[in-house]
Amino acid sequence: MQRLILAIDQLSKTVGHAFAWCIVILALGTGYEVLVRYVFNDPTSWAFDFSYLMYGALFYMAGAYTLSRAGHVRADMFYRRWRPRTQAVVELVLYVLFFFPGILALIVAGGAYGFESMRLKEVSVNSPAGVPIWPLKMMIQVGAGLIALQGVAEVLRCVVCLRAGDWPPRLHDVEELELQILQQHAQADEAPGARPAGLGAGR
């Protein structure tokens, strides 16, 4: 089961890392638009469409990666104090009652929306450039499908946690700053008199 979980995590990571390049492309495109608009007084006709296409692609396709890293917003002021098995029970119930019905609805509705857009070869009406936007709309169901698959991995994590009493490991590539700070404080609590690295310097 752990191998299946990590395999799904790896897929989400690969797709997320690939689409993270949208940020670089978006920055370069926006920088080019600013240059030609304000230096050469010759703005492009495609910059607005380009910006939301890149941001939309990143938004749709990085959702599964974010879920695999437990990076989505969570009101965890109580959750973090619970025992792992209690966390797993609550997560399992919420995935079954809310997550899967919502994400499956998005796959179905997004699929119809995307295929209709592809059938019409839809282009943007926001600029005269006629930038195709149907590929972005097709990403709705693909991104939602990846999130649903990652949701399966998260449910399996809950099952493993209920059996073992602790959460199974996740793939590690980046870490929230908040977690680093919490780890520093935990290490400081374990070693009386020690000060967490980087927190305050002597006057």
Protein backbone atom coordinates (compact mmCIF):
# COMPACT_ATOMS: atom_id res chain seq x y z
CA MET A 1 0.00 0.00 0.00
CA GLN A 2 2.84 2.37 0.84
CA ARG A 3 4.38 1.82 -2.61
CA LEU A 4 1.09 2.75 -4.28
CA ILE A 5 0.80 5.89 -2.14
CA LEU A 6 4.33 6.99 -3.02
CA ALA A 7 3.77 6.19 -6.71
CA ILE A 8 0.75 8.53 -6.79
CA ASP A 9 2.76 11.12 -4.86
CA GLN A 10 5.52 10.87 -7.46
CA LEU A 11 3.05 11.41 -10.31
CA SER A 12 1.63 14.48 -8.59
CA LYS A 13 5.15 15.75 -7.94
CA THR A 14 6.20 15.27 -11.57
CA VAL A 15 3.16 17.11 -12.94
CA GLY A 16 3.43 19.85 -10.32
CA HIS A 17 7.11 20.46 -11.00
CA ALA A 18 6.52 20.52 -14.76
CA PHE A 19 3.76 23.12 -14.52
CA ALA A 20 5.72 25.17 -11.98
CA TRP A 21 7.64 26.42 -15.03
CA CYS A 22 4.48 28.37 -15.89
CA ILE A 23 5.61 30.85 -13.24
CA VAL A 24 8.90 31.45 -15.06
CA ILE A 25 7.17 31.73 -18.44
CA LEU A 26 4.57 34.08 -16.94
CA ALA A 27 7.28 36.29 -15.43
CA LEU A 28 9.18 36.47 -18.73
CA GLY A 29 6.04 37.25 -20.71
CA THR A 30 4.92 39.92 -18.27
CA GLY A 31 8.40 41.43 -18.22
CA TYR A 32 8.39 41.57 -22.03
CA GLU A 33 4.98 43.26 -22.03
CA VAL A 34 6.14 45.89 -19.52
CA LEU A 35 9.26 46.55 -21.60
CA VAL A 36 7.53 47.04 -24.94
CA ARG A 37 4.60 48.94 -23.41
CA TYR A 38 6.51 51.51 -21.36
CA VAL A 39 9.87 51.71 -23.15
CA PHE A 40 8.87 51.30 -26.80
CA ASN A 41 5.23 52.41 -26.45
CA ASP A 42 4.16 49.33 -28.41
CA PRO A 43 2.00 47.09 -26.14
CA THR A 44 1.19 43.55 -27.21
CA SER A 45 -2.31 42.34 -27.99
CA TRP A 46 -1.86 39.02 -26.21
CA ALA A 47 -0.37 39.83 -22.77
CA PHE A 48 -3.63 39.70 -20.81
CA ASP A 49 -4.71 36.38 -22.29
CA PHE A 50 -1.21 35.00 -21.89
CA SER A 51 -1.14 35.88 -18.19
CA TYR A 52 -4.37 34.14 -17.24
CA LEU A 53 -3.59 31.12 -19.43
CA MET A 54 -0.29 30.58 -17.62
CA TYR A 55 -1.75 31.22 -14.18
CA GLY A 56 -4.79 29.06 -14.93
CA ALA A 57 -2.65 26.15 -16.12
CA LEU A 58 -0.57 26.36 -12.95
CA PHE A 59 -3.69 26.58 -10.78
CA TYR A 60 -5.40 23.58 -12.38
CA MET A 61 -2.41 21.29 -12.67
CA ALA A 62 -0.59 21.93 -9.38
CA GLY A 63 -3.57 21.11 -7.15
CA ALA A 64 -2.70 17.43 -6.83
CA TYR A 65 0.93 18.26 -6.00
CA THR A 66 -0.20 20.67 -3.28
CA LEU A 67 -2.52 18.03 -1.84
CA SER A 68 0.30 15.47 -1.84
CA ARG A 69 2.30 17.85 0.34
CA ALA A 70 -0.67 18.61 2.64
CA GLY A 71 -0.28 22.21 1.47
CA HIS A 72 -3.90 23.23 1.03
CA VAL A 73 -5.40 25.66 3.53
CA ARG A 74 -6.57 23.93 6.70
CA ALA A 75 -7.97 25.32 9.95
CA ASP A 76 -5.63 23.18 12.02
CA MET A 77 -5.58 25.00 15.36
CA PHE A 78 -7.33 21.93 16.81
CA TYR A 79 -6.29 19.32 14.25
CA ARG A 80 -2.59 19.57 14.99
CA ARG A 81 -3.21 18.75 18.67
CA TRP A 82 -5.08 15.53 17.98
CA ARG A 83 -3.52 12.08 18.00
CA PRO A 84 -2.70 10.71 14.53
CA ARG A 85 -5.53 8.16 14.64
CA THR A 86 -8.06 10.89 15.48
CA GLN A 87 -6.72 12.99 12.61
CA ALA A 88 -7.04 10.01 10.27
CA VAL A 89 -10.66 9.33 11.26
CA VAL A 90 -11.67 12.96 10.72
CA GLU A 91 -9.84 13.17 7.38
CA LEU A 92 -11.32 9.89 6.16
CA VAL A 93 -14.86 11.05 6.93
CA LEU A 94 -14.31 14.43 5.27
CA TYR A 95 -12.81 12.85 2.15
CA VAL A 96 -15.79 10.52 1.75
CA LEU A 97 -18.51 13.06 2.54
CA PHE A 98 -17.15 16.20 0.86
CA PHE A 99 -13.96 15.75 -1.15
CA PHE A 100 -14.88 12.95 -3.55
CA PRO A 101 -18.43 14.12 -4.33
CA GLY A 102 -17.15 17.63 -5.04
CA ILE A 103 -14.17 16.60 -7.13
CA LEU A 104 -16.17 14.05 -9.14
CA ALA A 105 -18.75 16.74 -9.89
CA LEU A 106 -15.92 18.97 -11.10
CA ILE A 107 -14.60 16.21 -13.37
CA VAL A 108 -18.01 15.66 -14.95
CA ALA A 109 -18.96 19.33 -15.30
CA GLY A 110 -15.45 20.39 -16.28
CA GLY A 111 -15.28 17.65 -18.87
CA ALA A 112 -18.48 18.79 -20.58
CA TYR A 113 -17.30 22.41 -20.41
CA GLY A 114 -13.87 21.59 -21.82
CA PHE A 115 -15.04 19.33 -24.64
CA GLU A 116 -17.60 21.91 -25.77
CA SER A 117 -14.87 24.54 -25.82
CA MET A 118 -12.60 22.22 -27.82
CA ARG A 119 -15.41 21.43 -30.27
CA LEU A 120 -15.89 25.14 -30.93
CA LYS A 121 -12.10 25.78 -31.03
CA GLU A 122 -12.85 28.62 -28.60
CA VAL A 123 -10.59 31.68 -28.59
CA SER A 124 -10.41 34.60 -26.20
CA VAL A 125 -12.71 37.59 -26.71
CA ASN A 126 -10.54 39.81 -24.52
CA SER A 127 -8.10 40.80 -27.25
CA PRO A 128 -7.90 40.90 -31.06
CA ALA A 129 -5.12 38.31 -31.07
CA GLY A 130 -7.61 35.44 -30.90
CA VAL A 131 -5.61 33.42 -28.38
CA PRO A 132 -6.98 29.84 -28.12
CA ILE A 133 -8.39 29.17 -24.66
CA TRP A 134 -9.90 25.72 -25.17
CA PRO A 135 -6.66 23.95 -24.08
CA LEU A 136 -6.93 25.70 -20.71
CA LYS A 137 -10.55 24.61 -20.31
CA MET A 138 -9.59 21.04 -21.15
CA MET A 139 -7.19 21.14 -18.20
CA ILE A 140 -10.10 21.47 -15.75
CA GLN A 141 -11.03 17.80 -15.92
CA VAL A 142 -7.40 16.65 -16.18
CA GLY A 143 -6.37 18.62 -13.11
CA ALA A 144 -9.46 17.49 -11.20
CA GLY A 145 -8.73 13.88 -12.16
CA LEU A 146 -5.21 14.18 -10.77
CA ILE A 147 -6.57 15.66 -7.56
CA ALA A 148 -9.06 12.78 -7.29
CA LEU A 149 -6.20 10.29 -7.75
CA GLN A 150 -4.18 12.04 -5.08
CA GLY A 151 -7.28 11.93 -2.88
CA VAL A 152 -7.18 8.14 -3.19
CA ALA A 153 -3.60 8.23 -1.93
CA GLU A 154 -4.66 10.42 1.01
CA VAL A 155 -7.45 7.98 1.91
CA LEU A 156 -4.92 5.14 1.84
CA ARG A 157 -2.71 7.23 4.13
CA CYS A 158 -5.60 7.45 6.57
CA VAL A 159 -6.03 3.65 6.46
CA VAL A 160 -2.31 3.12 7.11
CA CYS A 161 -2.42 5.60 9.99
CA LEU A 162 -5.43 3.86 11.55
CA ARG A 163 -3.56 0.55 11.41
CA ALA A 164 -0.11 1.73 12.49
CA GLY A 165 -1.02 4.62 14.78
CA ASP A 166 1.15 7.11 12.90
CA TRP A 167 1.16 8.84 9.53
CA PRO A 168 3.19 7.22 6.75
CA PRO A 169 6.00 9.33 5.24
CA ARG A 170 5.53 11.67 2.29
CA LEU A 171 7.93 12.43 -0.52
CA HIS A 172 10.10 15.34 0.52
CA ASP A 173 11.29 18.11 -1.78
CA VAL A 174 10.19 21.41 -0.22
CA GLU A 175 9.14 22.38 3.27
CA GLU A 176 6.88 25.08 4.64
CA LEU A 177 8.73 27.78 6.58
CA GLU A 178 6.20 27.30 9.37
CA LEU A 179 7.30 23.68 9.78
CA GLN A 180 10.95 24.70 9.94
CA ILE A 181 10.16 27.23 12.67
CA LEU A 182 8.13 24.66 14.64
CA GLN A 183 10.99 22.16 14.37
CA GLN A 184 13.45 24.76 15.61
CA HIS A 185 11.25 25.50 18.63
CA ALA A 186 10.82 21.78 19.33
CA GLN A 187 14.58 21.28 19.26
CA ALA A 188 15.01 24.27 21.56
CA ASP A 189 12.50 22.79 24.01
CA GLU A 190 14.35 19.48 24.03
CA ALA A 191 17.69 21.20 24.73
CA PRO A 192 17.20 23.69 27.61
CA GLY A 193 19.25 26.83 27.22
CA ALA A 194 19.62 26.40 23.45
CA ARG A 195 18.28 29.02 21.06
CA PRO A 196 16.75 28.03 17.69
CA ALA A 197 19.03 28.84 14.78
CA GLY A 198 18.31 32.18 13.18
CA LEU A 199 15.91 33.38 15.88
CA GLY A 200 17.29 36.53 17.37
CA ALA A 201 20.86 37.66 17.81
CA GLY A 202 22.59 39.17 20.78
CA ARG A 203 22.75 42.93 21.00
